[in-house]
Amino acid sequence: MPITGNWIFTASMDVDPDKEKIFNEVYDTEHVLHLRKVPGVVAVTRFKLDTLRVTMGGETKAVDSTGVPRYACIVELESPDVLTSPAFAQAVDAGRWPAEVRPFTRNRKHTLYRVMK
């Protein structure tokens, strides 16, 4: 799927193993839906880290992913101002996320990229 937003916000994290089931359930059935309703959010897509093997310069090697968060979410935005809007603030604290999921996440990383078109 092509990127259609002008900005990319990423949120990546690990979750305690015993909370992984509720993490995925709440993320898929609530959190993503709340984020998609925010004005200025173009798309929301989740990812899970996988083993990376790549051939470069004639050599195939496994890439070490130690320390890289296991889960990531990419949110395509019309503007970076979306991230400081009241609607975004409300969405990230809606539902079961703040009480039942967020406390069990760690190694959180957030980034913002401007799409180069």
N, C-alpha and C. Protein backbone atom coordinates (compact mmCIF):
# COMPACT_ATOMS: atom_id res chain seq x y z
N MET A 1 0.84 -1.16 0.00
CA MET A 1 0.00 0.00 0.00
C MET A 1 0.90 1.24 0.00
N PRO A 2 0.66 2.18 -0.90
CA PRO A 2 1.50 3.38 -0.95
C PRO A 2 1.24 4.30 0.24
N ILE A 3 2.25 5.05 0.62
CA ILE A 3 2.12 6.03 1.68
C ILE A 3 1.45 7.26 1.09
N THR A 4 0.38 7.71 1.71
CA THR A 4 -0.35 8.86 1.21
C THR A 4 -0.27 10.06 2.15
N GLY A 5 0.17 9.85 3.39
CA GLY A 5 0.32 10.95 4.33
C GLY A 5 1.57 11.76 4.03
N ASN A 6 1.64 12.96 4.57
CA ASN A 6 2.80 13.82 4.41
C ASN A 6 3.85 13.61 5.50
N TRP A 7 3.42 13.02 6.59
CA TRP A 7 4.28 12.76 7.74
C TRP A 7 4.03 11.35 8.25
N ILE A 8 5.05 10.75 8.82
CA ILE A 8 4.95 9.40 9.40
C ILE A 8 5.36 9.48 10.86
N PHE A 9 4.46 9.09 11.73
CA PHE A 9 4.74 8.97 13.16
C PHE A 9 4.85 7.49 13.46
N THR A 10 5.91 7.09 14.15
CA THR A 10 6.04 5.69 14.54
C THR A 10 6.05 5.58 16.06
N ALA A 11 5.39 4.56 16.54
CA ALA A 11 5.41 4.21 17.95
C ALA A 11 5.79 2.74 18.01
N SER A 12 6.93 2.45 18.62
CA SER A 12 7.36 1.05 18.72
C SER A 12 7.62 0.72 20.18
N MET A 13 7.45 -0.55 20.53
CA MET A 13 7.56 -0.95 21.93
C MET A 13 7.62 -2.46 22.07
N ASP A 14 8.02 -2.86 23.25
CA ASP A 14 7.93 -4.25 23.68
C ASP A 14 6.81 -4.32 24.70
N VAL A 15 6.34 -5.52 24.95
CA VAL A 15 5.29 -5.72 25.95
C VAL A 15 5.66 -6.93 26.80
N ASP A 16 5.29 -6.89 28.06
CA ASP A 16 5.56 -8.03 28.94
C ASP A 16 4.93 -9.28 28.33
N PRO A 17 5.67 -10.38 28.29
CA PRO A 17 5.16 -11.61 27.64
C PRO A 17 3.79 -12.06 28.14
N ASP A 18 3.52 -11.92 29.43
CA ASP A 18 2.23 -12.38 29.96
C ASP A 18 1.08 -11.43 29.61
N LYS A 19 1.38 -10.28 29.00
CA LYS A 19 0.35 -9.31 28.60
C LYS A 19 0.23 -9.20 27.08
N GLU A 20 0.96 -10.05 26.36
CA GLU A 20 0.98 -9.95 24.90
C GLU A 20 -0.40 -10.18 24.27
N LYS A 21 -1.17 -11.10 24.82
CA LYS A 21 -2.49 -11.38 24.25
C LYS A 21 -3.41 -10.17 24.36
N ILE A 22 -3.48 -9.56 25.54
CA ILE A 22 -4.35 -8.39 25.70
C ILE A 22 -3.80 -7.18 24.95
N PHE A 23 -2.47 -7.07 24.88
CA PHE A 23 -1.84 -6.00 24.10
C PHE A 23 -2.34 -6.04 22.66
N ASN A 24 -2.26 -7.19 22.02
CA ASN A 24 -2.68 -7.32 20.62
C ASN A 24 -4.18 -7.16 20.46
N GLU A 25 -4.96 -7.70 21.40
CA GLU A 25 -6.41 -7.57 21.32
C GLU A 25 -6.84 -6.11 21.40
N VAL A 26 -6.34 -5.40 22.41
CA VAL A 26 -6.72 -4.00 22.59
C VAL A 26 -6.18 -3.13 21.45
N TYR A 27 -4.95 -3.40 21.02
CA TYR A 27 -4.38 -2.61 19.92
C TYR A 27 -5.25 -2.75 18.68
N ASP A 28 -5.61 -4.01 18.33
CA ASP A 28 -6.36 -4.26 17.10
C ASP A 28 -7.83 -3.86 17.17
N THR A 29 -8.47 -4.06 18.32
CA THR A 29 -9.92 -3.84 18.40
C THR A 29 -10.31 -2.48 18.95
N GLU A 30 -9.35 -1.75 19.56
CA GLU A 30 -9.68 -0.45 20.13
C GLU A 30 -8.71 0.65 19.70
N HIS A 31 -7.45 0.47 20.02
CA HIS A 31 -6.47 1.56 19.89
C HIS A 31 -6.36 2.05 18.44
N VAL A 32 -6.20 1.14 17.50
CA VAL A 32 -6.09 1.53 16.09
C VAL A 32 -7.37 2.24 15.64
N LEU A 33 -8.52 1.75 16.08
CA LEU A 33 -9.79 2.36 15.68
C LEU A 33 -9.90 3.79 16.21
N HIS A 34 -9.48 4.02 17.45
CA HIS A 34 -9.51 5.38 18.01
C HIS A 34 -8.57 6.30 17.23
N LEU A 35 -7.37 5.80 16.92
CA LEU A 35 -6.40 6.63 16.18
C LEU A 35 -6.92 6.99 14.79
N ARG A 36 -7.56 6.04 14.12
CA ARG A 36 -8.06 6.29 12.76
C ARG A 36 -9.14 7.37 12.71
N LYS A 37 -9.82 7.62 13.82
CA LYS A 37 -10.89 8.62 13.86
C LYS A 37 -10.36 10.04 14.06
N VAL A 38 -9.09 10.18 14.39
CA VAL A 38 -8.52 11.50 14.65
C VAL A 38 -8.41 12.29 13.35
N PRO A 39 -8.95 13.51 13.31
CA PRO A 39 -8.80 14.33 12.10
C PRO A 39 -7.32 14.53 11.78
N GLY A 40 -6.96 14.31 10.53
CA GLY A 40 -5.57 14.45 10.11
C GLY A 40 -4.79 13.15 10.09
N VAL A 41 -5.36 12.08 10.64
CA VAL A 41 -4.73 10.75 10.55
C VAL A 41 -5.19 10.14 9.24
N VAL A 42 -4.24 9.78 8.41
CA VAL A 42 -4.54 9.23 7.08
C VAL A 42 -4.65 7.71 7.14
N ALA A 43 -3.76 7.06 7.87
CA ALA A 43 -3.77 5.59 7.96
C ALA A 43 -3.00 5.16 9.19
N VAL A 44 -3.33 3.96 9.68
CA VAL A 44 -2.65 3.36 10.84
C VAL A 44 -2.37 1.91 10.49
N THR A 45 -1.10 1.50 10.62
CA THR A 45 -0.71 0.12 10.29
C THR A 45 0.22 -0.41 11.38
N ARG A 46 -0.03 -1.63 11.82
CA ARG A 46 0.79 -2.27 12.85
C ARG A 46 1.78 -3.25 12.22
N PHE A 47 2.89 -3.47 12.94
CA PHE A 47 3.95 -4.37 12.49
C PHE A 47 4.51 -5.16 13.66
N LYS A 48 5.05 -6.33 13.36
CA LYS A 48 5.75 -7.14 14.35
C LYS A 48 7.11 -7.51 13.77
N LEU A 49 8.15 -7.33 14.55
CA LEU A 49 9.52 -7.58 14.13
C LEU A 49 9.69 -9.04 13.70
N ASP A 50 10.44 -9.25 12.66
CA ASP A 50 10.72 -10.59 12.16
C ASP A 50 12.23 -10.71 11.93
N THR A 51 12.69 -11.91 11.69
CA THR A 51 14.11 -12.15 11.42
C THR A 51 14.49 -11.54 10.08
N LEU A 52 15.58 -10.82 10.07
CA LEU A 52 16.03 -10.17 8.85
C LEU A 52 17.33 -10.80 8.36
N ARG A 53 17.27 -11.33 7.16
CA ARG A 53 18.45 -11.81 6.45
C ARG A 53 18.49 -11.06 5.14
N VAL A 54 19.66 -10.55 4.80
CA VAL A 54 19.76 -9.72 3.60
C VAL A 54 21.11 -9.96 2.92
N THR A 55 21.09 -9.86 1.61
CA THR A 55 22.34 -9.97 0.85
C THR A 55 22.72 -8.59 0.35
N MET A 56 23.93 -8.17 0.73
CA MET A 56 24.48 -6.89 0.28
C MET A 56 25.96 -7.09 0.01
N GLY A 57 26.42 -6.53 -1.06
CA GLY A 57 27.84 -6.65 -1.38
C GLY A 57 28.28 -8.09 -1.56
N GLY A 58 27.37 -8.95 -2.03
CA GLY A 58 27.70 -10.35 -2.28
C GLY A 58 27.70 -11.23 -1.04
N GLU A 59 27.35 -10.67 0.11
CA GLU A 59 27.35 -11.45 1.35
C GLU A 59 25.95 -11.47 1.95
N THR A 60 25.48 -12.67 2.31
CA THR A 60 24.19 -12.81 2.99
C THR A 60 24.46 -12.91 4.48
N LYS A 61 23.74 -12.10 5.23
CA LYS A 61 23.94 -12.16 6.67
C LYS A 61 22.64 -11.87 7.40
N ALA A 62 22.59 -12.35 8.64
CA ALA A 62 21.46 -12.05 9.52
C ALA A 62 21.78 -10.73 10.21
N VAL A 63 20.79 -9.88 10.30
CA VAL A 63 20.96 -8.58 10.93
C VAL A 63 20.53 -8.70 12.39
N ASP A 64 21.39 -8.26 13.28
CA ASP A 64 21.12 -8.32 14.72
C ASP A 64 20.05 -7.29 15.08
N SER A 65 18.98 -7.73 15.68
CA SER A 65 17.90 -6.81 16.06
C SER A 65 17.83 -6.64 17.57
N THR A 66 18.89 -6.97 18.28
CA THR A 66 18.93 -6.81 19.72
C THR A 66 18.60 -5.37 20.09
N GLY A 67 17.67 -5.20 21.00
CA GLY A 67 17.30 -3.88 21.47
C GLY A 67 16.23 -3.19 20.65
N VAL A 68 15.90 -3.73 19.49
CA VAL A 68 14.86 -3.14 18.64
C VAL A 68 13.50 -3.57 19.19
N PRO A 69 12.58 -2.64 19.40
CA PRO A 69 11.26 -3.03 19.90
C PRO A 69 10.58 -4.03 18.98
N ARG A 70 9.86 -4.95 19.57
CA ARG A 70 9.24 -6.06 18.84
C ARG A 70 8.01 -5.64 18.03
N TYR A 71 7.27 -4.66 18.52
CA TYR A 71 6.05 -4.20 17.85
C TYR A 71 6.22 -2.75 17.42
N ALA A 72 5.60 -2.41 16.30
CA ALA A 72 5.62 -1.03 15.83
C ALA A 72 4.28 -0.69 15.19
N CYS A 73 3.98 0.59 15.22
CA CYS A 73 2.78 1.10 14.58
C CYS A 73 3.19 2.34 13.79
N ILE A 74 2.77 2.40 12.55
CA ILE A 74 3.03 3.57 11.72
C ILE A 74 1.71 4.31 11.51
N VAL A 75 1.74 5.59 11.83
CA VAL A 75 0.56 6.43 11.67
C VAL A 75 0.89 7.50 10.63
N GLU A 76 0.19 7.46 9.51
CA GLU A 76 0.38 8.46 8.47
C GLU A 76 -0.45 9.69 8.82
N LEU A 77 0.19 10.86 8.71
CA LEU A 77 -0.45 12.10 9.14
C LEU A 77 -0.47 13.14 8.01
N GLU A 78 -1.46 14.01 8.03
CA GLU A 78 -1.49 15.15 7.13
C GLU A 78 -0.48 16.20 7.59
N SER A 79 -0.30 16.31 8.91
CA SER A 79 0.56 17.34 9.51
C SER A 79 1.07 16.84 10.86
N PRO A 80 2.25 17.26 11.28
CA PRO A 80 2.73 16.87 12.61
C PRO A 80 1.89 17.48 13.73
N ASP A 81 1.13 18.54 13.42
CA ASP A 81 0.26 19.17 14.42
C ASP A 81 -0.82 18.22 14.94
N VAL A 82 -1.12 17.18 14.18
CA VAL A 82 -2.10 16.19 14.61
C VAL A 82 -1.69 15.60 15.96
N LEU A 83 -0.39 15.41 16.16
CA LEU A 83 0.12 14.75 17.37
C LEU A 83 -0.10 15.57 18.64
N THR A 84 -0.33 16.87 18.51
CA THR A 84 -0.57 17.71 19.68
C THR A 84 -2.01 18.21 19.74
N SER A 85 -2.86 17.63 18.92
CA SER A 85 -4.26 18.03 18.90
C SER A 85 -5.02 17.40 20.07
N PRO A 86 -6.09 18.04 20.53
CA PRO A 86 -6.93 17.45 21.58
C PRO A 86 -7.50 16.09 21.16
N ALA A 87 -7.84 15.94 19.88
CA ALA A 87 -8.40 14.66 19.40
C ALA A 87 -7.38 13.53 19.51
N PHE A 88 -6.11 13.82 19.19
CA PHE A 88 -5.08 12.79 19.32
C PHE A 88 -4.85 12.44 20.79
N ALA A 89 -4.78 13.46 21.63
CA ALA A 89 -4.58 13.22 23.07
C ALA A 89 -5.70 12.35 23.63
N GLN A 90 -6.92 12.61 23.19
CA GLN A 90 -8.05 11.82 23.65
C GLN A 90 -7.96 10.38 23.13
N ALA A 91 -7.58 10.22 21.88
CA ALA A 91 -7.50 8.89 21.27
C ALA A 91 -6.47 8.00 21.95
N VAL A 92 -5.30 8.55 22.28
CA VAL A 92 -4.25 7.70 22.86
C VAL A 92 -4.56 7.31 24.31
N ASP A 93 -5.54 7.99 24.92
CA ASP A 93 -5.93 7.64 26.28
C ASP A 93 -7.33 7.03 26.36
N ALA A 94 -7.88 6.64 25.23
CA ALA A 94 -9.22 6.07 25.19
C ALA A 94 -9.20 4.57 25.46
N GLY A 95 -10.33 4.06 25.90
CA GLY A 95 -10.51 2.62 26.08
C GLY A 95 -9.63 2.01 27.16
N ARG A 96 -9.28 0.76 26.95
CA ARG A 96 -8.50 0.01 27.94
C ARG A 96 -7.00 0.26 27.85
N TRP A 97 -6.55 0.95 26.79
CA TRP A 97 -5.12 1.15 26.55
C TRP A 97 -4.37 1.72 27.76
N PRO A 98 -4.80 2.86 28.34
CA PRO A 98 -3.99 3.46 29.40
C PRO A 98 -3.87 2.62 30.68
N ALA A 99 -4.88 1.87 31.03
CA ALA A 99 -4.85 1.12 32.29
C ALA A 99 -4.41 -0.33 32.12
N GLU A 100 -4.82 -0.97 31.03
CA GLU A 100 -4.60 -2.40 30.88
C GLU A 100 -3.45 -2.77 29.96
N VAL A 101 -2.93 -1.79 29.20
CA VAL A 101 -1.86 -2.10 28.24
C VAL A 101 -0.61 -1.25 28.48
N ARG A 102 -0.75 0.05 28.43
CA ARG A 102 0.42 0.94 28.52
C ARG A 102 1.35 0.62 29.70
N PRO A 103 0.84 0.32 30.89
CA PRO A 103 1.76 0.04 32.01
C PRO A 103 2.66 -1.18 31.79
N PHE A 104 2.31 -2.02 30.85
CA PHE A 104 3.06 -3.26 30.62
C PHE A 104 3.93 -3.20 29.36
N THR A 105 4.05 -1.99 28.81
CA THR A 105 4.93 -1.79 27.66
C THR A 105 6.25 -1.21 28.13
N ARG A 106 7.29 -1.44 27.35
CA ARG A 106 8.62 -0.94 27.69
C ARG A 106 9.40 -0.74 26.40
N ASN A 107 10.59 -0.20 26.52
CA ASN A 107 11.45 0.03 25.36
C ASN A 107 10.70 0.82 24.28
N ARG A 108 9.95 1.81 24.75
CA ARG A 108 9.11 2.61 23.83
C ARG A 108 9.97 3.60 23.05
N LYS A 109 9.72 3.70 21.77
CA LYS A 109 10.40 4.63 20.88
C LYS A 109 9.35 5.33 20.02
N HIS A 110 9.51 6.63 19.85
CA HIS A 110 8.62 7.41 19.00
C HIS A 110 9.47 8.22 18.04
N THR A 111 9.06 8.25 16.79
CA THR A 111 9.77 9.03 15.78
C THR A 111 8.77 9.75 14.88
N LEU A 112 9.25 10.80 14.24
CA LEU A 112 8.45 11.52 13.27
C LEU A 112 9.30 11.74 12.03
N TYR A 113 8.76 11.37 10.88
CA TYR A 113 9.45 11.54 9.60
C TYR A 113 8.59 12.37 8.67
N ARG A 114 9.21 13.26 7.92
CA ARG A 114 8.53 13.97 6.85
C ARG A 114 8.69 13.13 5.59
N VAL A 115 7.61 12.87 4.88
CA VAL A 115 7.66 12.09 3.65
C VAL A 115 8.29 12.94 2.56
N MET A 116 9.29 12.39 1.90
CA MET A 116 9.97 13.10 0.82
C MET A 116 9.32 12.70 -0.49
N LYS A 117 8.63 13.64 -1.11
CA LYS A 117 7.91 13.33 -2.35
C LYS A 117 8.55 14.03 -3.51
